[in-house]
């Protein structure tokens, strides 16, 4: 059993601009390469840069309000909602609320920066 506390993990600024904590990743934890889990944060007024992943991503919002754009379609999202982003889709999210936008990112297969491309 692997148990990790995402509040105790170090953060880094990802290529898309958000702060990320890799919660479960095969590179760090020796887990299966089929999936990874990260926790991301955007401050008020911040947004990720448009990018395209070669893997499926599911974003689950923990706190805050955002505006998600996937392949030109825009949707306002909030805590408790999930967004499925198909592989190859151009995507970005903006924090449209007064507080941090905090969300989980599940990637299948596991996130690989070499398969994350600017759009």
C-alpha atoms as a PDB file:
ATOM      1  CA  UNK A   1       0.000   0.000   0.000  1.00  0.00           C
ATOM      2  CA  UNK A   2       1.230   3.457  -0.910  1.00  0.00           C
ATOM      3  CA  UNK A   3      -0.117   6.426   1.044  1.00  0.00           C
ATOM      4  CA  UNK A   4       1.048   9.977   0.369  1.00  0.00           C
ATOM      5  CA  UNK A   5      -0.030  13.354   1.747  1.00  0.00           C
ATOM      6  CA  UNK A   6      -0.270  15.857  -1.112  1.00  0.00           C
ATOM      7  CA  UNK A   7       0.015  18.724   1.391  1.00  0.00           C
ATOM      8  CA  UNK A   8       3.563  17.583   2.215  1.00  0.00           C
ATOM      9  CA  UNK A   9       4.832  17.274  -1.359  1.00  0.00           C
ATOM     10  CA  UNK A  10       7.043  19.902  -2.953  1.00  0.00           C
ATOM     11  CA  UNK A  11       5.535  22.067  -5.685  1.00  0.00           C
ATOM     12  CA  UNK A  12       7.005  23.028  -9.021  1.00  0.00           C
ATOM     13  CA  UNK A  13       5.826  25.309 -11.820  1.00  0.00           C
ATOM     14  CA  UNK A  14       4.724  23.126 -14.752  1.00  0.00           C
ATOM     15  CA  UNK A  15       5.291  24.042 -18.399  1.00  0.00           C
ATOM     16  CA  UNK A  16       1.632  25.097 -18.678  1.00  0.00           C
ATOM     17  CA  UNK A  17       2.054  27.596 -15.816  1.00  0.00           C
ATOM     18  CA  UNK A  18       0.263  25.986 -12.868  1.00  0.00           C
ATOM     19  CA  UNK A  19       1.826  24.870  -9.589  1.00  0.00           C
ATOM     20  CA  UNK A  20       1.944  21.062  -9.456  1.00  0.00           C
ATOM     21  CA  UNK A  21       2.533  18.416  -6.826  1.00  0.00           C
ATOM     22  CA  UNK A  22       3.002  14.924  -8.275  1.00  0.00           C
ATOM     23  CA  UNK A  23       0.979  12.775  -5.898  1.00  0.00           C
ATOM     24  CA  UNK A  24       1.347   9.356  -7.558  1.00  0.00           C
ATOM     25  CA  UNK A  25       3.668   8.896 -10.531  1.00  0.00           C
ATOM     26  CA  UNK A  26       5.503   5.771 -11.699  1.00  0.00           C
ATOM     27  CA  UNK A  27       8.747   7.744 -12.069  1.00  0.00           C
ATOM     28  CA  UNK A  28       8.668   8.592  -8.340  1.00  0.00           C
ATOM     29  CA  UNK A  29       6.765   5.715  -6.797  1.00  0.00           C
ATOM     30  CA  UNK A  30       7.365   2.580  -8.875  1.00  0.00           C
ATOM     31  CA  UNK A  31       3.647   2.336  -9.648  1.00  0.00           C
ATOM     32  CA  UNK A  32       2.041   1.124 -12.865  1.00  0.00           C
ATOM     33  CA  UNK A  33       2.797   3.299 -15.922  1.00  0.00           C
ATOM     34  CA  UNK A  34      -0.868   3.324 -16.935  1.00  0.00           C
ATOM     35  CA  UNK A  35      -1.864   6.214 -14.647  1.00  0.00           C
ATOM     36  CA  UNK A  36      -0.612   9.219 -12.681  1.00  0.00           C
ATOM     37  CA  UNK A  37      -2.196  11.666 -10.240  1.00  0.00           C
ATOM     38  CA  UNK A  38      -1.149  15.265  -9.663  1.00  0.00           C
ATOM     39  CA  UNK A  39      -2.568  18.159  -7.678  1.00  0.00           C
ATOM     40  CA  UNK A  40      -2.494  21.545  -9.410  1.00  0.00           C
ATOM     41  CA  UNK A  41      -3.130  25.102  -8.231  1.00  0.00           C
ATOM     42  CA  UNK A  42      -3.764  28.382 -10.041  1.00  0.00           C
ATOM     43  CA  UNK A  43      -3.956  31.654  -8.128  1.00  0.00           C
ATOM     44  CA  UNK A  44      -6.677  34.235  -8.769  1.00  0.00           C
ATOM     45  CA  UNK A  45      -6.427  35.570 -12.315  1.00  0.00           C
ATOM     46  CA  UNK A  46      -3.907  32.924 -13.401  1.00  0.00           C
ATOM     47  CA  UNK A  47      -4.382  30.578 -16.353  1.00  0.00           C
ATOM     48  CA  UNK A  48      -2.542  27.668 -17.891  1.00  0.00           C
ATOM     49  CA  UNK A  49      -1.056  28.075 -21.337  1.00  0.00           C
ATOM     50  CA  UNK A  50      -2.910  26.258 -24.139  1.00  0.00           C
ATOM     51  CA  UNK A  51      -1.357  22.833 -24.552  1.00  0.00           C
ATOM     52  CA  UNK A  52      -2.059  19.395 -25.976  1.00  0.00           C
ATOM     53  CA  UNK A  53      -1.413  16.110 -24.180  1.00  0.00           C
ATOM     54  CA  UNK A  54      -0.883  12.817 -25.967  1.00  0.00           C
ATOM     55  CA  UNK A  55      -2.725  11.151 -23.090  1.00  0.00           C
ATOM     56  CA  UNK A  56      -6.210  11.312 -21.596  1.00  0.00           C
ATOM     57  CA  UNK A  57      -6.557  13.716 -18.686  1.00  0.00           C
ATOM     58  CA  UNK A  58      -9.338  13.993 -16.140  1.00  0.00           C
ATOM     59  CA  UNK A  59      -9.393  17.173 -14.052  1.00  0.00           C
ATOM     60  CA  UNK A  60     -11.371  17.099 -10.794  1.00  0.00           C
ATOM     61  CA  UNK A  61     -11.895  20.471  -9.138  1.00  0.00           C
ATOM     62  CA  UNK A  62     -11.360  20.511  -5.376  1.00  0.00           C
ATOM     63  CA  UNK A  63     -11.825  24.237  -4.710  1.00  0.00           C
ATOM     64  CA  UNK A  64     -12.457  27.441  -6.602  1.00  0.00           C
ATOM     65  CA  UNK A  65     -14.007  28.343  -9.948  1.00  0.00           C
ATOM     66  CA  UNK A  66     -12.468  27.976 -13.365  1.00  0.00           C
ATOM     67  CA  UNK A  67     -13.098  28.428 -17.056  1.00  0.00           C
ATOM     68  CA  UNK A  68     -12.039  25.320 -18.997  1.00  0.00           C
ATOM     69  CA  UNK A  69     -11.461  25.383 -22.740  1.00  0.00           C
ATOM     70  CA  UNK A  70     -11.118  22.089 -24.635  1.00  0.00           C
ATOM     71  CA  UNK A  71     -10.821  22.171 -28.432  1.00  0.00           C
ATOM     72  CA  UNK A  72     -12.411  25.620 -28.539  1.00  0.00           C
ATOM     73  CA  UNK A  73     -15.395  24.698 -26.358  1.00  0.00           C
ATOM     74  CA  UNK A  74     -15.633  26.736 -23.138  1.00  0.00           C
ATOM     75  CA  UNK A  75     -17.303  25.744 -19.889  1.00  0.00           C
ATOM     76  CA  UNK A  76     -17.286  27.332 -16.433  1.00  0.00           C
ATOM     77  CA  UNK A  77     -16.494  24.713 -13.790  1.00  0.00           C
ATOM     78  CA  UNK A  78     -16.432  24.635  -9.998  1.00  0.00           C
ATOM     79  CA  UNK A  79     -15.462  22.486  -7.031  1.00  0.00           C
ATOM     80  CA  UNK A  80     -16.944  18.999  -7.216  1.00  0.00           C
ATOM     81  CA  UNK A  81     -16.969  18.864 -11.022  1.00  0.00           C
ATOM     82  CA  UNK A  82     -14.793  16.726 -13.300  1.00  0.00           C
ATOM     83  CA  UNK A  83     -13.676  17.431 -16.855  1.00  0.00           C
ATOM     84  CA  UNK A  84     -12.637  14.651 -19.253  1.00  0.00           C
ATOM     85  CA  UNK A  85     -10.061  15.818 -21.802  1.00  0.00           C
ATOM     86  CA  UNK A  86      -9.463  13.381 -24.687  1.00  0.00           C
ATOM     87  CA  UNK A  87      -5.899  12.722 -25.802  1.00  0.00           C
ATOM     88  CA  UNK A  88      -4.812  15.161 -28.510  1.00  0.00           C
ATOM     89  CA  UNK A  89      -7.176  17.948 -27.412  1.00  0.00           C
ATOM     90  CA  UNK A  90      -5.980  21.529 -27.064  1.00  0.00           C
ATOM     91  CA  UNK A  91      -6.824  22.636 -23.530  1.00  0.00           C
ATOM     92  CA  UNK A  92      -6.333  25.310 -20.926  1.00  0.00           C
ATOM     93  CA  UNK A  93      -8.012  26.473 -17.730  1.00  0.00           C
ATOM     94  CA  UNK A  94      -8.264  29.890 -16.077  1.00  0.00           C
ATOM     95  CA  UNK A  95      -9.034  30.743 -12.474  1.00  0.00           C
ATOM     96  CA  UNK A  96     -12.079  33.043 -12.610  1.00  0.00           C
ATOM     97  CA  UNK A  97     -12.694  33.243  -8.864  1.00  0.00           C
ATOM     98  CA  UNK A  98     -11.250  35.249  -5.976  1.00  0.00           C
ATOM     99  CA  UNK A  99      -9.559  32.223  -4.365  1.00  0.00           C
ATOM    100  CA  UNK A 100      -7.074  29.566  -5.487  1.00  0.00           C
ATOM    101  CA  UNK A 101      -8.301  27.063  -8.060  1.00  0.00           C
ATOM    102  CA  UNK A 102      -7.211  23.657  -6.724  1.00  0.00           C
ATOM    103  CA  UNK A 103      -7.693  20.557  -8.862  1.00  0.00           C
ATOM    104  CA  UNK A 104      -6.544  16.981  -9.359  1.00  0.00           C
ATOM    105  CA  UNK A 105      -5.215  15.735 -12.699  1.00  0.00           C
ATOM    106  CA  UNK A 106      -5.375  12.051 -13.573  1.00  0.00           C
ATOM    107  CA  UNK A 107      -3.483  11.083 -16.722  1.00  0.00           C
ATOM    108  CA  UNK A 108      -3.676   7.778 -18.581  1.00  0.00           C
ATOM    109  CA  UNK A 109      -1.085   6.675 -19.440  1.00  0.00           C
ATOM    110  CA  UNK A 110       1.000   8.435 -16.796  1.00  0.00           C
ATOM    111  CA  UNK A 111       1.949  12.044 -17.482  1.00  0.00           C
ATOM    112  CA  UNK A 112       5.118  12.428 -19.541  1.00  0.00           C
ATOM    113  CA  UNK A 113       6.420  15.953 -20.223  1.00  0.00           C
ATOM    114  CA  UNK A 114       7.742  14.774 -23.599  1.00  0.00           C
ATOM    115  CA  UNK A 115       4.113  14.114 -24.585  1.00  0.00           C
ATOM    116  CA  UNK A 116       2.854  17.563 -23.487  1.00  0.00           C
ATOM    117  CA  UNK A 117       3.030  20.085 -26.331  1.00  0.00           C
ATOM    118  CA  UNK A 118       2.347  23.840 -26.475  1.00  0.00           C
ATOM    119  CA  UNK A 119      -0.590  24.710 -28.705  1.00  0.00           C
END
